[in-house]
Amino acid sequence: MAIKLDRRTVLRGIGGTVLALPLLEAMTGRKTARSANPTIPKRYILCFGGQSLGADNDPIHNMYVPTTIGANYDLKVALAPLANHNNIKNEITVVSGLKIPTAYDNGGVIPAGGRADDFHINSLSPLLSGTSTSDGRIHGPTSDQLVADAIGSGTTFKSLVYRVQASWYLDQSAPYGRDVISYRMNGSTLTGIPSTVSPRAAFDSLFVGFTPVDPAEAARREFMLRQRKSVLDLVSAKTEKLLPKLGTSDRQRVQRHLDEVRDLERRISAIAPDGGGACQLLGDPGQDPAVGGNQTVNGGTGFDVNAGYSNEEARATMLVDLLHMAITCDLTRVGTLQFTMAQSHMNMYPLIGIPYDLHEIGHSSHGTMGVSQGIAWHMKHFARLVAKFRDTPEDIGTMLDNTVIVMVHEGGHGYDPSAAKTYSSHCTENMACLIAGRVGGLKPGRHVVAAGMHPANVLITAMNAVGVSTNTLGQVNGTIPALTS
């Protein structure tokens, strides 16, 4: 027969050790739901890659979207790095079937959340802010800044905006806004936020004045860790007497609570004595890699494999580390990480051995395979970012339990109305993106087909997950329920 317990019931063990119990039905007389710790902050990170998913004249739309729908999805070339970091794909959901509508789809009229035919200058506004455009400008605040307004005011930095690609790298043109993906409202004026490109500057802004753990304090912690005993072991006798007296639901709840305490003890025991906690001073990154010179051609004959590159490999590694630590230290709760600019002219030869810039691979004979190898470089660093949050303990879980990380791409693959081309990289059909994290009920590790949905629907779902109560981003409405069910 189940018993009635007081709400303040605890288990007392050897030496006066006390273990509090969770709220049980036996304490309230009614069923209770387990809730998350409300004091833990939620975080939002948006990542961007400046390339479409497929190449011109290649009937293969992408080597990105898994064949398998649901859990245990397969990894094609573009997403192959998600097998790294102890199979980090288990924390990442692939969302496919997305589309930004065009004037061509709507009888010449630009639809809500859509774009005019000129791909490169008109894709960013609907992708990042959910607002339509025909003039190449972004016309609404982006999701990261809307989230920053909601959850970022109490931190040192309301948001951080980083970019890996150091320069435009092409003599005959300029970015014209393709280097900016974060916009906020200053009163009634929409303002683009320039990215921090220098890892040196990012480090200095975050950690100048940062004080590491005092050596004496570190020694005291080491002593305490060596002396620590398991709370569960000290109250084991009381636990064995209590469990048989509880009802089935309460017994399961107590057992889950004990398992979580045991897991927490294991993880605490694994922390190095002088670690100073998860928030700590990173090593000085030194001076930034030199900025490479511009190209005169986009690829192929005459392409200078030594230009158009500023060691973005090292820059990506450093900026991932800095963004993770800034959020771990609660210096910010919102981050934007632009790996490459839209229509990126970054030299890919040092990274994947193809003598073209990232954008021009999509117009080359290397086809969708070459494009996918370029995307895979982005995925290597995205996977590492997600893994760092998964591997940082927090409360009874990890930081990834309270974080959403989204990766979007400039385009998809399909029909280009401006060129009347059936298989084109200048297209916003057949788009896909990634979303990681468990905050707000997100269910990671799956392939979800959201046929005909807008990429902004993914961003709205991510915004909801961190507590931003909205059903709208710009002119796009609705979430993708399959991401939380």
Protein backbone atom coordinates (compact mmCIF):
# COMPACT_ATOMS: atom_id res chain seq x y z
CA MET A 1 0.00 0.00 0.00
CA ALA A 2 1.34 3.44 -0.98
CA ILE A 3 2.18 5.86 1.81
CA LYS A 4 1.61 9.59 2.36
CA LEU A 5 4.79 11.68 2.70
CA ASP A 6 5.35 15.22 3.87
CA ARG A 7 6.59 17.63 1.18
CA ARG A 8 9.77 18.20 3.22
CA THR A 9 10.69 14.51 3.47
CA VAL A 10 14.40 13.80 3.06
CA LEU A 11 16.62 10.73 3.34
CA ARG A 12 19.08 10.97 6.25
CA GLY A 13 22.20 8.86 6.26
CA ILE A 14 25.59 8.39 7.86
CA GLY A 15 27.17 11.47 9.42
CA GLY A 16 24.03 13.57 9.07
CA THR A 17 24.04 13.34 5.29
CA VAL A 18 20.78 14.53 3.75
CA LEU A 19 19.34 13.83 0.28
CA ALA A 20 16.24 15.73 -0.75
CA LEU A 21 13.57 13.88 -2.69
CA PRO A 22 11.77 15.16 -5.77
CA LEU A 23 8.11 16.19 -5.50
CA LEU A 24 6.14 12.95 -5.43
CA GLU A 25 2.49 12.04 -5.79
CA ALA A 26 2.69 10.70 -2.22
CA MET A 27 3.42 14.25 -1.08
CA THR A 28 0.62 15.98 -3.02
CA GLY A 29 -2.07 13.39 -3.55
CA ARG A 30 -2.01 14.11 -7.31
CA LYS A 31 0.13 13.33 -10.33
CA THR A 32 3.05 15.70 -10.98
CA ALA A 33 5.17 16.42 -14.04
CA ARG A 34 8.92 16.73 -14.03
CA SER A 35 9.98 20.26 -14.95
CA ALA A 36 13.28 21.74 -16.11
CA ASN A 37 15.35 23.92 -13.81
CA PRO A 38 14.00 27.43 -14.49
CA THR A 39 17.23 29.13 -13.42
CA ILE A 40 19.32 27.74 -16.27
CA PRO A 41 19.53 30.22 -19.18
CA LYS A 42 18.50 29.27 -22.71
CA ARG A 43 20.77 30.00 -25.65
CA TYR A 44 20.35 30.51 -29.39
CA ILE A 45 23.03 30.15 -32.08
CA LEU A 46 22.56 30.67 -35.82
CA CYS A 47 25.21 29.43 -38.26
CA PHE A 48 25.38 30.18 -41.99
CA GLY A 49 27.16 28.77 -45.03
CA GLY A 50 27.34 30.74 -48.30
CA GLN A 51 26.67 28.00 -50.83
CA SER A 52 23.73 26.15 -52.35
CA LEU A 53 23.35 22.39 -51.98
CA GLY A 54 23.72 21.36 -55.61
CA ALA A 55 25.56 22.33 -58.81
CA ASP A 56 24.57 23.60 -62.23
CA ASN A 57 23.50 21.02 -64.81
CA ASP A 58 23.68 18.20 -62.28
CA PRO A 59 20.39 16.33 -61.83
CA ILE A 60 21.48 15.31 -58.33
CA HIS A 61 19.92 18.01 -56.12
CA ASN A 62 22.29 17.38 -53.23
CA MET A 63 24.45 14.91 -51.38
CA TYR A 64 23.18 16.35 -48.12
CA VAL A 65 19.65 15.09 -47.46
CA PRO A 66 19.55 11.56 -45.99
CA THR A 67 17.64 8.79 -47.71
CA THR A 68 16.40 7.53 -44.36
CA ILE A 69 13.56 9.48 -42.73
CA GLY A 70 13.41 9.54 -38.95
CA ALA A 71 16.11 8.30 -36.58
CA ASN A 72 19.39 6.62 -37.54
CA TYR A 73 19.58 8.57 -40.78
CA ASP A 74 22.36 7.95 -43.27
CA LEU A 75 25.17 10.42 -43.91
CA LYS A 76 26.00 11.46 -47.44
CA VAL A 77 29.11 13.38 -48.51
CA ALA A 78 28.04 16.84 -47.30
CA LEU A 79 27.10 15.65 -43.81
CA ALA A 80 29.77 12.95 -43.40
CA PRO A 81 31.55 14.93 -40.60
CA LEU A 82 28.48 14.45 -38.39
CA ALA A 83 29.80 10.93 -37.75
CA ASN A 84 32.68 12.50 -35.82
CA HIS A 85 32.74 13.47 -32.13
CA ASN A 86 31.19 10.21 -31.00
CA ASN A 87 28.48 10.34 -33.68
CA ILE A 88 27.30 13.87 -33.01
CA LYS A 89 24.54 13.34 -35.61
CA ASN A 90 22.51 11.86 -32.72
CA GLU A 91 22.16 15.43 -31.45
CA ILE A 92 21.35 16.99 -34.84
CA THR A 93 18.14 16.89 -36.88
CA VAL A 94 18.18 17.35 -40.66
CA VAL A 95 15.20 19.30 -41.99
CA SER A 96 14.61 18.84 -45.73
CA GLY A 97 11.99 19.79 -48.30
CA LEU A 98 12.25 23.52 -47.54
CA LYS A 99 11.63 26.26 -50.08
CA ILE A 100 11.76 30.05 -50.38
CA PRO A 101 9.06 30.98 -52.93
CA THR A 102 9.82 33.30 -55.84
CA ALA A 103 7.93 35.73 -58.05
CA TYR A 104 8.07 33.02 -60.73
CA ASP A 105 6.07 30.72 -58.46
CA ASN A 106 3.46 33.43 -57.88
CA GLY A 107 2.64 34.77 -61.35
CA GLY A 108 5.30 37.47 -61.25
CA VAL A 109 4.27 38.85 -57.85
CA ILE A 110 6.75 38.40 -55.03
CA PRO A 111 5.00 36.30 -52.37
CA ALA A 112 5.16 36.96 -48.65
CA GLY A 113 8.52 35.72 -47.37
CA GLY A 114 9.67 35.31 -50.96
CA ARG A 115 12.13 36.86 -53.38
CA ALA A 116 12.58 38.30 -56.85
CA ASP A 117 14.44 36.16 -59.36
CA ASP A 118 17.97 37.52 -58.78
CA PHE A 119 19.21 34.75 -56.51
CA HIS A 120 22.30 36.02 -54.73
CA ILE A 121 21.07 39.44 -53.71
CA ASN A 122 17.48 38.44 -52.91
CA SER A 123 17.79 35.20 -50.94
CA LEU A 124 19.13 36.49 -47.62
CA SER A 125 16.16 38.61 -46.57
CA PRO A 126 13.56 35.81 -46.67
CA LEU A 127 16.06 33.24 -45.36
CA LEU A 128 17.17 35.19 -42.29
CA SER A 129 14.31 37.58 -41.55
CA GLY A 130 11.30 35.99 -43.28
CA THR A 131 10.71 39.20 -45.28
CA SER A 132 10.36 39.43 -49.06
CA THR A 133 12.71 41.52 -51.17
CA SER A 134 13.38 42.59 -54.74
CA ASP A 135 16.17 45.12 -54.14
CA GLY A 136 18.84 42.93 -52.55
CA ARG A 137 18.38 44.39 -49.09
CA ILE A 138 17.22 42.68 -45.91
CA HIS A 139 13.93 44.20 -44.83
CA GLY A 140 13.38 42.95 -41.29
CA PRO A 141 15.22 42.07 -38.08
CA THR A 142 16.85 38.66 -38.16
CA SER A 143 15.92 35.84 -35.83
CA ASP A 144 19.08 36.10 -33.73
CA GLN A 145 18.40 39.74 -32.88
CA LEU A 146 14.76 39.10 -32.05
CA VAL A 147 15.94 36.41 -29.65
CA ALA A 148 18.62 38.74 -28.25
CA ASP A 149 15.93 41.32 -27.51
CA ALA A 150 14.00 38.67 -25.59
CA ILE A 151 16.73 36.85 -23.63
CA GLY A 152 20.01 38.73 -24.09
CA SER A 153 19.62 41.94 -22.12
CA GLY A 154 21.01 40.60 -18.84
CA THR A 155 24.41 39.55 -20.19
CA THR A 156 27.62 41.45 -20.95
CA PHE A 157 27.01 41.07 -24.67
CA LYS A 158 23.43 41.08 -25.91
CA SER A 159 24.66 38.97 -28.82
CA LEU A 160 27.91 38.05 -30.55
CA VAL A 161 28.23 38.14 -34.33
CA TYR A 162 31.27 36.33 -35.75
CA ARG A 163 32.41 35.57 -39.32
CA VAL A 164 35.10 33.10 -40.38
CA GLN A 165 35.68 34.25 -43.99
CA ALA A 166 38.07 37.16 -43.59
CA SER A 167 37.60 39.04 -46.87
CA TRP A 168 35.53 39.15 -50.07
CA TYR A 169 38.55 37.92 -52.09
CA LEU A 170 37.49 39.08 -55.56
CA ASP A 171 38.88 42.10 -57.42
CA GLN A 172 35.99 42.86 -59.73
CA SER A 173 33.16 43.13 -57.21
CA ALA A 174 32.28 43.80 -53.56
CA PRO A 175 30.08 42.03 -50.99
CA TYR A 176 27.19 44.52 -51.20
CA GLY A 177 25.70 43.15 -47.97
CA ARG A 178 26.56 39.50 -48.48
CA ASP A 179 28.97 39.76 -45.55
CA VAL A 180 26.23 40.75 -43.07
CA ILE A 181 23.60 38.30 -41.81
CA SER A 182 22.47 39.92 -38.55
CA TYR A 183 20.07 42.91 -38.45
CA ARG A 184 18.35 44.66 -35.57
CA MET A 185 15.94 47.55 -35.13
CA ASN A 186 17.39 50.75 -33.71
CA GLY A 187 14.17 52.62 -33.09
CA SER A 188 12.50 52.64 -36.48
CA THR A 189 15.74 52.01 -38.40
CA LEU A 190 16.90 48.57 -39.47
CA THR A 191 20.66 48.30 -38.90
CA GLY A 192 23.09 45.63 -40.03
CA ILE A 193 25.56 44.39 -37.42
CA PRO A 194 29.12 44.05 -38.76
CA SER A 195 30.71 40.73 -37.91
CA THR A 196 33.79 40.33 -35.77
CA VAL A 197 36.24 38.61 -38.10
CA SER A 198 39.40 38.77 -36.01
CA PRO A 199 39.83 35.98 -33.43
CA ARG A 200 42.32 38.26 -31.66
CA ALA A 201 39.73 41.04 -31.31
CA ALA A 202 37.05 38.54 -30.25
CA PHE A 203 39.32 37.13 -27.55
CA ASP A 204 40.28 40.55 -26.23
CA SER A 205 36.66 41.76 -26.06
CA LEU A 206 35.63 38.66 -24.11
CA PHE A 207 38.51 38.00 -21.76
CA VAL A 208 40.42 41.21 -21.04
CA GLY A 209 40.11 41.46 -17.27
CA PHE A 210 39.06 37.81 -16.91
CA THR A 211 40.46 36.36 -13.65
CA PRO A 212 41.24 32.63 -13.62
CA VAL A 213 40.77 30.51 -10.51
CA ASP A 214 43.06 31.43 -7.62
CA PRO A 215 45.73 28.69 -7.06
CA ALA A 216 44.81 28.40 -3.36
CA GLU A 217 41.15 27.94 -4.27
CA ALA A 218 42.12 25.31 -6.82
CA ALA A 219 44.10 23.41 -4.16
CA ARG A 220 41.12 23.55 -1.77
CA ARG A 221 38.84 22.13 -4.46
CA GLU A 222 41.31 19.34 -5.16
CA PHE A 223 41.31 18.36 -1.48
CA MET A 224 37.51 18.37 -1.36
CA LEU A 225 37.28 16.24 -4.47
CA ARG A 226 39.61 13.64 -2.99
CA GLN A 227 37.63 13.57 0.25
CA ARG A 228 34.16 13.54 -1.33
CA LYS A 229 31.95 10.52 -0.65
CA SER A 230 28.85 9.48 -2.55
CA VAL A 231 25.67 10.91 -1.05
CA LEU A 232 23.77 7.91 -2.38
CA ASP A 233 26.05 5.48 -0.60
CA LEU A 234 25.55 7.34 2.67
CA VAL A 235 21.75 7.18 2.48
CA SER A 236 21.50 3.70 0.88
CA ALA A 237 19.92 2.04 3.93
CA LYS A 238 17.10 4.61 4.09
CA THR A 239 16.56 4.31 0.32
CA GLU A 240 16.15 0.53 0.51
CA LYS A 241 13.46 0.91 3.18
CA LEU A 242 11.56 3.68 1.40
CA LEU A 243 11.24 2.33 -2.15
CA PRO A 244 9.00 -0.71 -1.41
CA LYS A 245 6.51 1.55 0.37
CA LEU A 246 5.93 3.86 -2.61
CA GLY A 247 3.40 3.54 -5.39
CA THR A 248 4.61 2.53 -8.85
CA SER A 249 4.79 6.07 -10.26
CA ASP A 250 6.57 7.48 -7.21
CA ARG A 251 8.96 4.54 -7.09
CA GLN A 252 9.92 5.17 -10.72
CA ARG A 253 10.32 8.89 -10.05
CA VAL A 254 12.57 8.33 -7.03
CA GLN A 255 14.66 5.77 -8.92
CA ARG A 256 15.08 8.22 -11.81
CA HIS A 257 16.09 10.92 -9.31
CA LEU A 258 18.66 8.60 -7.74
CA ASP A 259 20.02 7.66 -11.17
CA GLU A 260 20.40 11.34 -12.03
CA VAL A 261 22.20 12.06 -8.75
CA ARG A 262 24.53 9.11 -9.39
CA ASP A 263 25.22 10.34 -12.92
CA LEU A 264 25.91 13.83 -11.62
CA GLU A 265 28.33 12.43 -9.03
CA ARG A 266 30.19 10.53 -11.74
CA ARG A 267 30.53 13.66 -13.89
CA ILE A 268 31.61 15.82 -10.95
CA SER A 269 34.22 13.21 -10.02
CA ALA A 270 35.56 13.35 -13.57
CA ILE A 271 36.24 17.11 -13.41
CA ALA A 272 39.92 17.88 -13.08
CA PRO A 273 40.66 19.32 -9.62
CA ASP A 274 42.16 22.54 -11.01
CA GLY A 275 39.70 22.92 -13.86
CA GLY A 276 38.07 25.99 -12.39
CA GLY A 277 34.65 24.94 -13.68
CA ALA A 278 33.37 24.91 -17.24
CA CYS A 279 33.88 28.67 -17.57
CA GLN A 280 37.56 29.38 -17.84
CA LEU A 281 40.12 31.51 -19.63
CA LEU A 282 41.01 30.15 -23.06
CA GLY A 283 44.57 30.18 -24.28
CA ASP A 284 45.68 33.35 -26.00
CA PRO A 285 45.03 32.90 -29.75
CA GLY A 286 48.03 35.01 -30.76
CA GLN A 287 47.95 37.22 -33.80
CA ASP A 288 45.39 36.60 -36.52
CA PRO A 289 46.42 34.67 -39.62
CA ALA A 290 47.45 36.98 -42.45
CA VAL A 291 44.64 38.02 -44.79
CA GLY A 292 45.14 36.53 -48.25
CA GLY A 293 45.06 38.62 -51.42
CA ASN A 294 42.22 38.81 -53.91
CA GLN A 295 41.65 36.56 -56.89
CA THR A 296 41.32 37.86 -60.44
CA VAL A 297 39.34 34.78 -61.56
CA ASN A 298 36.87 32.49 -59.77
CA GLY A 299 38.41 29.15 -60.58
CA GLY A 300 39.99 26.82 -63.11
CA THR A 301 42.66 28.17 -65.48
CA GLY A 302 44.47 31.13 -63.95
CA PHE A 303 43.13 30.51 -60.46
CA ASP A 304 45.76 31.35 -57.85
CA VAL A 305 45.60 28.56 -55.27
CA ASN A 306 47.64 30.70 -52.86
CA ALA A 307 45.29 33.70 -52.86
CA GLY A 308 41.80 34.24 -51.48
CA TYR A 309 42.51 32.39 -48.25
CA SER A 310 43.37 33.61 -44.75
CA ASN A 311 43.73 30.30 -42.94
CA GLU A 312 39.99 30.05 -42.40
CA GLU A 313 40.60 26.57 -41.02
CA ALA A 314 42.36 28.03 -37.98
CA ARG A 315 39.96 30.97 -37.79
CA ALA A 316 36.94 28.64 -37.69
CA THR A 317 38.50 26.59 -34.89
CA MET A 318 39.27 29.67 -32.80
CA LEU A 319 35.88 31.34 -33.30
CA VAL A 320 34.03 28.12 -32.41
CA ASP A 321 36.06 27.92 -29.20
CA LEU A 322 35.44 31.57 -28.37
CA LEU A 323 31.69 31.43 -29.02
CA HIS A 324 31.32 28.29 -26.92
CA MET A 325 33.26 29.76 -24.00
CA ALA A 326 31.46 33.12 -24.19
CA ILE A 327 28.15 31.29 -23.79
CA THR A 328 29.54 28.91 -21.16
CA CYS A 329 30.63 31.92 -19.09
CA ASP A 330 27.21 33.52 -19.66
CA LEU A 331 28.81 36.54 -21.31
CA THR A 332 26.14 36.14 -23.99
CA ARG A 333 23.21 33.85 -24.74
CA VAL A 334 22.87 34.58 -28.46
CA GLY A 335 25.47 34.01 -31.15
CA THR A 336 25.75 34.19 -34.92
CA LEU A 337 28.54 32.35 -36.73
CA GLN A 338 28.85 33.02 -40.46
CA PHE A 339 31.35 30.51 -41.80
CA THR A 340 31.34 31.93 -45.34
CA MET A 341 29.75 34.90 -47.06
CA ALA A 342 26.81 34.48 -49.41
CA GLN A 343 28.18 33.84 -52.91
CA SER A 344 31.45 33.04 -51.20
CA HIS A 345 34.66 33.60 -53.13
CA MET A 346 36.86 31.96 -50.51
CA ASN A 347 39.54 29.74 -52.01
CA MET A 348 38.67 26.09 -51.31
CA TYR A 349 41.90 24.56 -52.63
CA PRO A 350 43.69 24.55 -49.21
CA LEU A 351 40.64 22.90 -47.64
CA ILE A 352 39.36 20.32 -50.15
CA GLY A 353 41.91 20.38 -52.98
CA ILE A 354 39.60 21.86 -55.64
CA PRO A 355 41.09 24.95 -57.40
CA TYR A 356 37.95 27.08 -57.26
CA ASP A 357 36.32 29.45 -54.86
CA LEU A 358 33.34 28.06 -52.94
CA HIS A 359 30.70 29.71 -55.09
CA GLU A 360 32.28 28.82 -58.41
CA ILE A 361 32.43 25.12 -57.57
CA GLY A 362 28.65 25.15 -58.11
CA HIS A 363 29.20 26.35 -61.67
CA SER A 364 32.06 23.99 -62.44
CA SER A 365 32.50 20.48 -63.76
CA HIS A 366 33.01 19.26 -60.19
CA GLY A 367 29.22 19.14 -59.89
CA THR A 368 27.18 18.39 -56.79
CA MET A 369 29.99 16.18 -55.48
CA GLY A 370 32.37 19.13 -55.39
CA VAL A 371 29.72 21.38 -53.82
CA SER A 372 29.12 18.73 -51.15
CA GLN A 373 32.82 18.52 -50.32
CA GLY A 374 32.77 22.28 -49.76
CA ILE A 375 29.73 21.99 -47.49
CA ALA A 376 31.44 19.18 -45.59
CA TRP A 377 34.19 21.62 -44.54
CA HIS A 378 31.49 23.77 -42.90
CA MET A 379 30.00 20.65 -41.30
CA LYS A 380 33.32 19.70 -39.73
CA HIS A 381 33.30 22.89 -37.69
CA PHE A 382 29.54 22.88 -37.07
CA ALA A 383 29.79 19.33 -35.70
CA ARG A 384 32.58 20.39 -33.38
CA LEU A 385 30.53 23.36 -32.14
CA VAL A 386 27.56 21.14 -31.29
CA ALA A 387 29.84 18.57 -29.65
CA LYS A 388 31.39 21.21 -27.39
CA PHE A 389 27.96 22.06 -26.00
CA ARG A 390 27.05 18.37 -25.66
CA ASP A 391 30.27 17.72 -23.76
CA THR A 392 29.92 20.64 -21.33
CA PRO A 393 28.06 19.46 -18.18
CA GLU A 394 25.25 21.60 -16.83
CA ASP A 395 22.84 20.82 -14.00
CA ILE A 396 21.86 17.14 -14.46
CA GLY A 397 22.61 17.17 -18.18
CA THR A 398 24.70 19.21 -20.61
CA MET A 399 24.61 22.69 -22.08
CA LEU A 400 23.08 21.29 -25.26
CA ASP A 401 19.95 20.50 -23.25
CA ASN A 402 19.42 24.26 -22.91
CA THR A 403 20.70 25.44 -26.30
CA VAL A 404 19.44 25.47 -29.89
CA ILE A 405 21.96 25.65 -32.74
CA VAL A 406 20.71 26.08 -36.32
CA MET A 407 22.72 25.81 -39.55
CA VAL A 408 21.26 27.34 -42.71
CA HIS A 409 22.59 27.50 -46.27
CA GLU A 410 22.26 30.17 -48.92
CA GLY A 411 20.28 28.08 -51.39
CA GLY A 412 19.07 24.68 -52.51
CA HIS A 413 18.94 23.33 -56.07
CA GLY A 414 16.45 23.22 -58.89
CA TYR A 415 14.86 25.54 -61.42
CA ASP A 416 16.32 29.04 -61.90
CA PRO A 417 13.66 31.23 -63.56
CA SER A 418 16.07 34.07 -64.36
CA ALA A 419 18.20 31.75 -66.51
CA ALA A 420 15.46 29.23 -67.41
CA LYS A 421 17.81 26.51 -66.18
CA THR A 422 16.35 23.26 -64.82
CA TYR A 423 19.25 22.24 -62.59
CA SER A 424 20.79 25.33 -61.05
CA SER A 425 22.66 26.31 -57.91
CA HIS A 426 20.88 29.68 -58.14
CA CYS A 427 17.71 28.29 -56.65
CA THR A 428 15.78 28.22 -53.38
CA GLU A 429 13.95 24.96 -54.04
CA ASN A 430 15.00 21.71 -52.31
CA MET A 431 16.61 23.54 -49.40
CA ALA A 432 17.64 21.90 -46.14
CA CYS A 433 19.08 22.92 -42.79
CA LEU A 434 20.21 21.47 -39.46
CA ILE A 435 18.92 22.05 -35.94
CA ALA A 436 20.61 20.77 -32.78
CA GLY A 437 19.72 20.86 -29.09
CA ARG A 438 17.02 19.63 -26.74
CA VAL A 439 15.78 22.90 -25.27
CA GLY A 440 12.05 23.56 -25.38
CA GLY A 441 11.16 19.98 -26.22
CA LEU A 442 13.20 19.68 -29.43
CA LYS A 443 13.75 16.06 -30.46
CA PRO A 444 17.22 15.72 -32.04
CA GLY A 445 18.88 13.03 -34.09
CA ARG A 446 16.31 12.62 -36.89
CA HIS A 447 15.62 13.46 -40.51
CA VAL A 448 12.39 15.44 -40.77
CA VAL A 449 10.82 16.14 -44.17
CA ALA A 450 8.99 19.47 -44.10
CA ALA A 451 7.81 19.54 -47.70
CA GLY A 452 7.01 23.04 -48.93
CA MET A 453 7.79 24.70 -45.59
CA HIS A 454 9.92 27.84 -45.42
CA PRO A 455 13.38 27.89 -43.76
CA ALA A 456 11.96 30.63 -41.52
CA ASN A 457 9.54 28.03 -40.11
CA VAL A 458 12.59 26.24 -38.69
CA LEU A 459 13.85 29.51 -37.19
CA ILE A 460 10.45 30.22 -35.62
CA THR A 461 10.51 26.74 -34.06
CA ALA A 462 14.01 27.41 -32.71
CA MET A 463 12.93 30.79 -31.33
CA ASN A 464 9.97 29.17 -29.56
CA ALA A 465 12.32 26.56 -28.09
CA VAL A 466 14.28 29.24 -26.19
CA GLY A 467 11.16 30.92 -24.91
CA VAL A 468 10.41 33.56 -27.55
CA SER A 469 6.63 33.32 -27.88
CA THR A 470 5.99 34.09 -31.52
CA ASN A 471 4.37 32.38 -34.46
CA THR A 472 5.88 34.77 -36.96
CA LEU A 473 9.23 35.76 -38.44
CA GLY A 474 8.76 38.63 -40.84
CA GLN A 475 6.01 37.54 -43.24
CA VAL A 476 6.32 33.81 -42.52
CA ASN A 477 4.00 32.13 -40.03
CA GLY A 478 4.12 28.84 -38.17
CA THR A 479 6.42 26.32 -36.61
CA ILE A 480 7.33 22.77 -37.69
CA PRO A 481 5.61 20.57 -35.07
CA ALA A 482 7.54 17.48 -36.18
CA LEU A 483 10.69 18.98 -34.64
CA THR A 484 9.20 18.65 -31.15
CA SER A 485 7.07 15.53 -31.53
